[in-house]
Amino acid sequence: MKQTVLALMAVAALAVWGAPAPAYAVPPTATPSPGYDARLQEQRAAQRRHVEPALKPAPKHRGKKAPAH
């Protein structure tokens, strides 16, 4: 009985010690990229300079014509 308990405790200790540590690496998509940031700022600046044309109001629709009879 004691040997079984000691064996289980040893396996548990090895499992805890050998467990992978949490990953602290940042995926490549989350790392800052100076070239991408510069293009993004250019694009946003260009969008701010672009002025939307004034929208014309839609033409009024006529109702159904009354029957001639």
N, C-alpha and C. Protein backbone atom coordinates (compact mmCIF):
# COMPACT_ATOMS: atom_id res chain seq x y z
N MET A 1 0.82 -1.19 0.00
CA MET A 1 0.00 0.00 0.00
C MET A 1 0.87 1.25 0.00
N LYS A 2 1.90 1.25 0.87
CA LYS A 2 2.78 2.41 0.95
C LYS A 2 3.53 2.61 -0.36
N GLN A 3 3.93 1.52 -0.97
CA GLN A 3 4.67 1.62 -2.23
C GLN A 3 3.78 2.20 -3.33
N THR A 4 2.51 1.82 -3.34
CA THR A 4 1.59 2.33 -4.36
C THR A 4 1.38 3.83 -4.18
N VAL A 5 1.21 4.26 -2.95
CA VAL A 5 1.00 5.68 -2.66
C VAL A 5 2.25 6.47 -3.02
N LEU A 6 3.43 5.95 -2.65
CA LEU A 6 4.67 6.63 -2.98
C LEU A 6 4.88 6.70 -4.50
N ALA A 7 4.52 5.64 -5.19
CA ALA A 7 4.65 5.61 -6.64
C ALA A 7 3.71 6.64 -7.27
N LEU A 8 2.48 6.71 -6.79
CA LEU A 8 1.53 7.70 -7.32
C LEU A 8 1.98 9.12 -7.03
N MET A 9 2.54 9.33 -5.82
CA MET A 9 3.04 10.67 -5.49
C MET A 9 4.24 11.04 -6.36
N ALA A 10 5.07 10.09 -6.67
CA ALA A 10 6.23 10.34 -7.53
C ALA A 10 5.77 10.68 -8.95
N VAL A 11 4.80 9.95 -9.45
CA VAL A 11 4.27 10.22 -10.79
C VAL A 11 3.62 11.61 -10.82
N ALA A 12 2.87 11.94 -9.76
CA ALA A 12 2.23 13.26 -9.71
C ALA A 12 3.27 14.37 -9.64
N ALA A 13 4.34 14.15 -8.86
CA ALA A 13 5.39 15.16 -8.75
C ALA A 13 6.10 15.36 -10.09
N LEU A 14 6.36 14.25 -10.79
CA LEU A 14 7.00 14.36 -12.10
C LEU A 14 6.09 15.05 -13.11
N ALA A 15 4.78 14.78 -13.01
CA ALA A 15 3.84 15.40 -13.95
C ALA A 15 3.77 16.90 -13.72
N VAL A 16 3.78 17.31 -12.45
CA VAL A 16 3.74 18.74 -12.14
C VAL A 16 5.05 19.40 -12.54
N TRP A 17 6.16 18.76 -12.25
CA TRP A 17 7.47 19.35 -12.58
C TRP A 17 7.68 19.41 -14.09
N GLY A 18 7.19 18.41 -14.79
CA GLY A 18 7.39 18.34 -16.24
C GLY A 18 6.30 19.02 -17.04
N ALA A 19 5.32 19.59 -16.36
CA ALA A 19 4.23 20.25 -17.09
C ALA A 19 4.79 21.45 -17.85
N PRO A 20 4.29 21.68 -19.03
CA PRO A 20 4.79 22.82 -19.81
C PRO A 20 4.43 24.15 -19.13
N ALA A 21 5.36 25.04 -19.14
CA ALA A 21 5.14 26.36 -18.57
C ALA A 21 4.24 27.16 -19.51
N PRO A 22 3.51 28.12 -18.98
CA PRO A 22 2.66 28.93 -19.85
C PRO A 22 3.51 29.69 -20.87
N ALA A 23 2.99 29.78 -22.06
CA ALA A 23 3.73 30.43 -23.14
C ALA A 23 3.60 31.94 -23.02
N TYR A 24 4.70 32.63 -23.08
CA TYR A 24 4.72 34.09 -23.03
C TYR A 24 5.09 34.69 -24.38
N ALA A 25 5.22 33.85 -25.38
CA ALA A 25 5.60 34.34 -26.70
C ALA A 25 4.42 35.05 -27.34
N VAL A 26 4.70 36.07 -28.11
CA VAL A 26 3.67 36.83 -28.81
C VAL A 26 3.61 36.31 -30.24
N PRO A 27 2.43 36.05 -30.76
CA PRO A 27 2.34 35.59 -32.14
C PRO A 27 2.84 36.67 -33.09
N PRO A 28 3.33 36.28 -34.26
CA PRO A 28 3.91 37.27 -35.16
C PRO A 28 2.92 38.33 -35.62
N THR A 29 1.63 38.03 -35.60
CA THR A 29 0.64 39.02 -36.03
C THR A 29 0.44 40.11 -34.99
N ALA A 30 0.87 39.87 -33.74
CA ALA A 30 0.66 40.86 -32.69
C ALA A 30 1.89 41.73 -32.45
N THR A 31 3.00 41.39 -33.06
CA THR A 31 4.20 42.20 -32.86
C THR A 31 4.13 43.45 -33.71
N PRO A 32 4.59 44.57 -33.22
CA PRO A 32 4.52 45.80 -33.99
C PRO A 32 5.43 45.74 -35.23
N SER A 33 4.92 46.23 -36.33
CA SER A 33 5.67 46.26 -37.57
C SER A 33 5.75 47.71 -38.03
N PRO A 34 6.95 48.29 -38.07
CA PRO A 34 7.06 49.70 -38.45
C PRO A 34 6.53 49.99 -39.86
N GLY A 35 6.78 49.10 -40.80
CA GLY A 35 6.29 49.32 -42.17
C GLY A 35 4.78 49.29 -42.24
N TYR A 36 4.19 48.31 -41.56
CA TYR A 36 2.73 48.21 -41.58
C TYR A 36 2.11 49.40 -40.88
N ASP A 37 2.67 49.82 -39.75
CA ASP A 37 2.13 50.96 -39.03
C ASP A 37 2.20 52.23 -39.88
N ALA A 38 3.29 52.41 -40.63
CA ALA A 38 3.43 53.60 -41.47
C ALA A 38 2.38 53.58 -42.58
N ARG A 39 2.19 52.42 -43.22
CA ARG A 39 1.17 52.33 -44.29
C ARG A 39 -0.22 52.56 -43.73
N LEU A 40 -0.47 52.05 -42.53
CA LEU A 40 -1.78 52.23 -41.92
C LEU A 40 -2.04 53.70 -41.61
N GLN A 41 -1.02 54.40 -41.12
CA GLN A 41 -1.19 55.83 -40.83
C GLN A 41 -1.41 56.61 -42.12
N GLU A 42 -0.69 56.25 -43.20
CA GLU A 42 -0.91 56.93 -44.49
C GLU A 42 -2.34 56.71 -44.96
N GLN A 43 -2.81 55.48 -44.85
CA GLN A 43 -4.16 55.16 -45.31
C GLN A 43 -5.20 55.94 -44.51
N ARG A 44 -5.03 56.00 -43.21
CA ARG A 44 -5.99 56.74 -42.38
C ARG A 44 -5.95 58.23 -42.67
N ALA A 45 -4.76 58.77 -42.92
CA ALA A 45 -4.66 60.19 -43.25
C ALA A 45 -5.33 60.47 -44.59
N ALA A 46 -5.18 59.57 -45.54
CA ALA A 46 -5.81 59.75 -46.85
C ALA A 46 -7.33 59.68 -46.72
N GLN A 47 -7.82 58.82 -45.85
CA GLN A 47 -9.27 58.72 -45.67
C GLN A 47 -9.82 59.98 -45.03
N ARG A 48 -9.06 60.61 -44.15
CA ARG A 48 -9.53 61.85 -43.52
C ARG A 48 -9.56 62.99 -44.53
N ARG A 49 -8.62 62.98 -45.47
CA ARG A 49 -8.58 64.06 -46.48
C ARG A 49 -9.69 63.90 -47.50
N HIS A 50 -10.13 62.68 -47.76
CA HIS A 50 -11.16 62.42 -48.76
C HIS A 50 -12.50 62.94 -48.26
N VAL A 51 -13.15 63.77 -49.06
CA VAL A 51 -14.44 64.33 -48.69
C VAL A 51 -15.51 63.60 -49.48
N GLU A 52 -16.50 63.11 -48.78
CA GLU A 52 -17.61 62.42 -49.43
C GLU A 52 -18.47 63.45 -50.18
N PRO A 53 -18.87 63.13 -51.41
CA PRO A 53 -19.76 64.06 -52.12
C PRO A 53 -21.13 64.10 -51.43
N ALA A 54 -21.76 65.26 -51.51
CA ALA A 54 -23.08 65.40 -50.90
C ALA A 54 -24.07 64.49 -51.64
N LEU A 55 -24.88 63.80 -50.90
CA LEU A 55 -25.84 62.89 -51.49
C LEU A 55 -27.06 63.68 -51.97
N LYS A 56 -27.52 63.36 -53.16
CA LYS A 56 -28.73 63.98 -53.66
C LYS A 56 -29.92 63.24 -53.07
N PRO A 57 -30.99 63.95 -52.77
CA PRO A 57 -32.16 63.24 -52.26
C PRO A 57 -32.76 62.35 -53.34
N ALA A 58 -33.29 61.26 -52.95
CA ALA A 58 -33.88 60.31 -53.90
C ALA A 58 -35.13 60.95 -54.51
N PRO A 59 -35.39 60.66 -55.78
CA PRO A 59 -36.60 61.22 -56.41
C PRO A 59 -37.85 60.66 -55.74
N LYS A 60 -38.88 61.48 -55.70
CA LYS A 60 -40.14 61.06 -55.07
C LYS A 60 -40.82 60.05 -55.98
N HIS A 61 -41.37 59.02 -55.39
CA HIS A 61 -42.10 58.02 -56.16
C HIS A 61 -43.56 58.42 -56.23
N ARG A 62 -44.12 58.20 -57.38
CA ARG A 62 -45.53 58.49 -57.55
C ARG A 62 -46.34 57.31 -57.03
N GLY A 63 -47.51 57.59 -56.59
CA GLY A 63 -48.42 56.55 -56.14
C GLY A 63 -49.03 55.85 -57.34
N LYS A 64 -49.85 54.85 -57.09
CA LYS A 64 -50.51 54.12 -58.16
C LYS A 64 -51.53 55.04 -58.83
N LYS A 65 -51.66 54.85 -60.13
CA LYS A 65 -52.67 55.62 -60.85
C LYS A 65 -54.04 55.02 -60.57
N ALA A 66 -55.05 55.90 -60.52
CA ALA A 66 -56.41 55.45 -60.33
C ALA A 66 -56.91 54.83 -61.62
N PRO A 67 -57.73 53.81 -61.56
CA PRO A 67 -58.25 53.21 -62.80
C PRO A 67 -59.11 54.21 -63.59
N ALA A 68 -59.09 54.09 -64.90
CA ALA A 68 -59.80 55.03 -65.77
C ALA A 68 -61.31 54.83 -65.71
N HIS A 69 -61.82 53.74 -65.28
CA HIS A 69 -63.27 53.48 -65.28
C HIS A 69 -63.93 54.05 -64.08
